[in-house]
Amino acid sequence: MGNNIKLLCIHNVVLNDGTLAFSEGKEYRGYKTSLRDMYTFKRVIRAKSNQGDRHIIKEIDSDRLDIFYGKHFIEIQ
C-alpha cells in the first residue's frame, strides 16, 4: 500500500470560517508523512481539501485526532 491511503469522507468537514473542506461521499487521497514539531518529528496522515490545502487529519503515533478521523473518514480499497 505504501504511503497512500484511499479515503471516503463520511461526514462533511467544515472549517471555523464556514468553508466546506471535505465533502461527505467524496473520495480523497490521504498520505503518510512526517512533520517536524519543534524538536521532534511526528508521523501523520494528511489529505488535500476541496480547496487544495493540505490538512493533517490523523496523528499516527497518538490518539489526539482519532475521534475526528473516525467521525469523518473511512479507509477504502
Foldseek 3Di string as FASTA:
>chain_A
DAFKFKKAWQDFDADPVRDGFADHGDIWIKGWDWDDDPPDIWIFIWTATPVRDIDTQGTPVDCPNVVSCVNTIDTDD
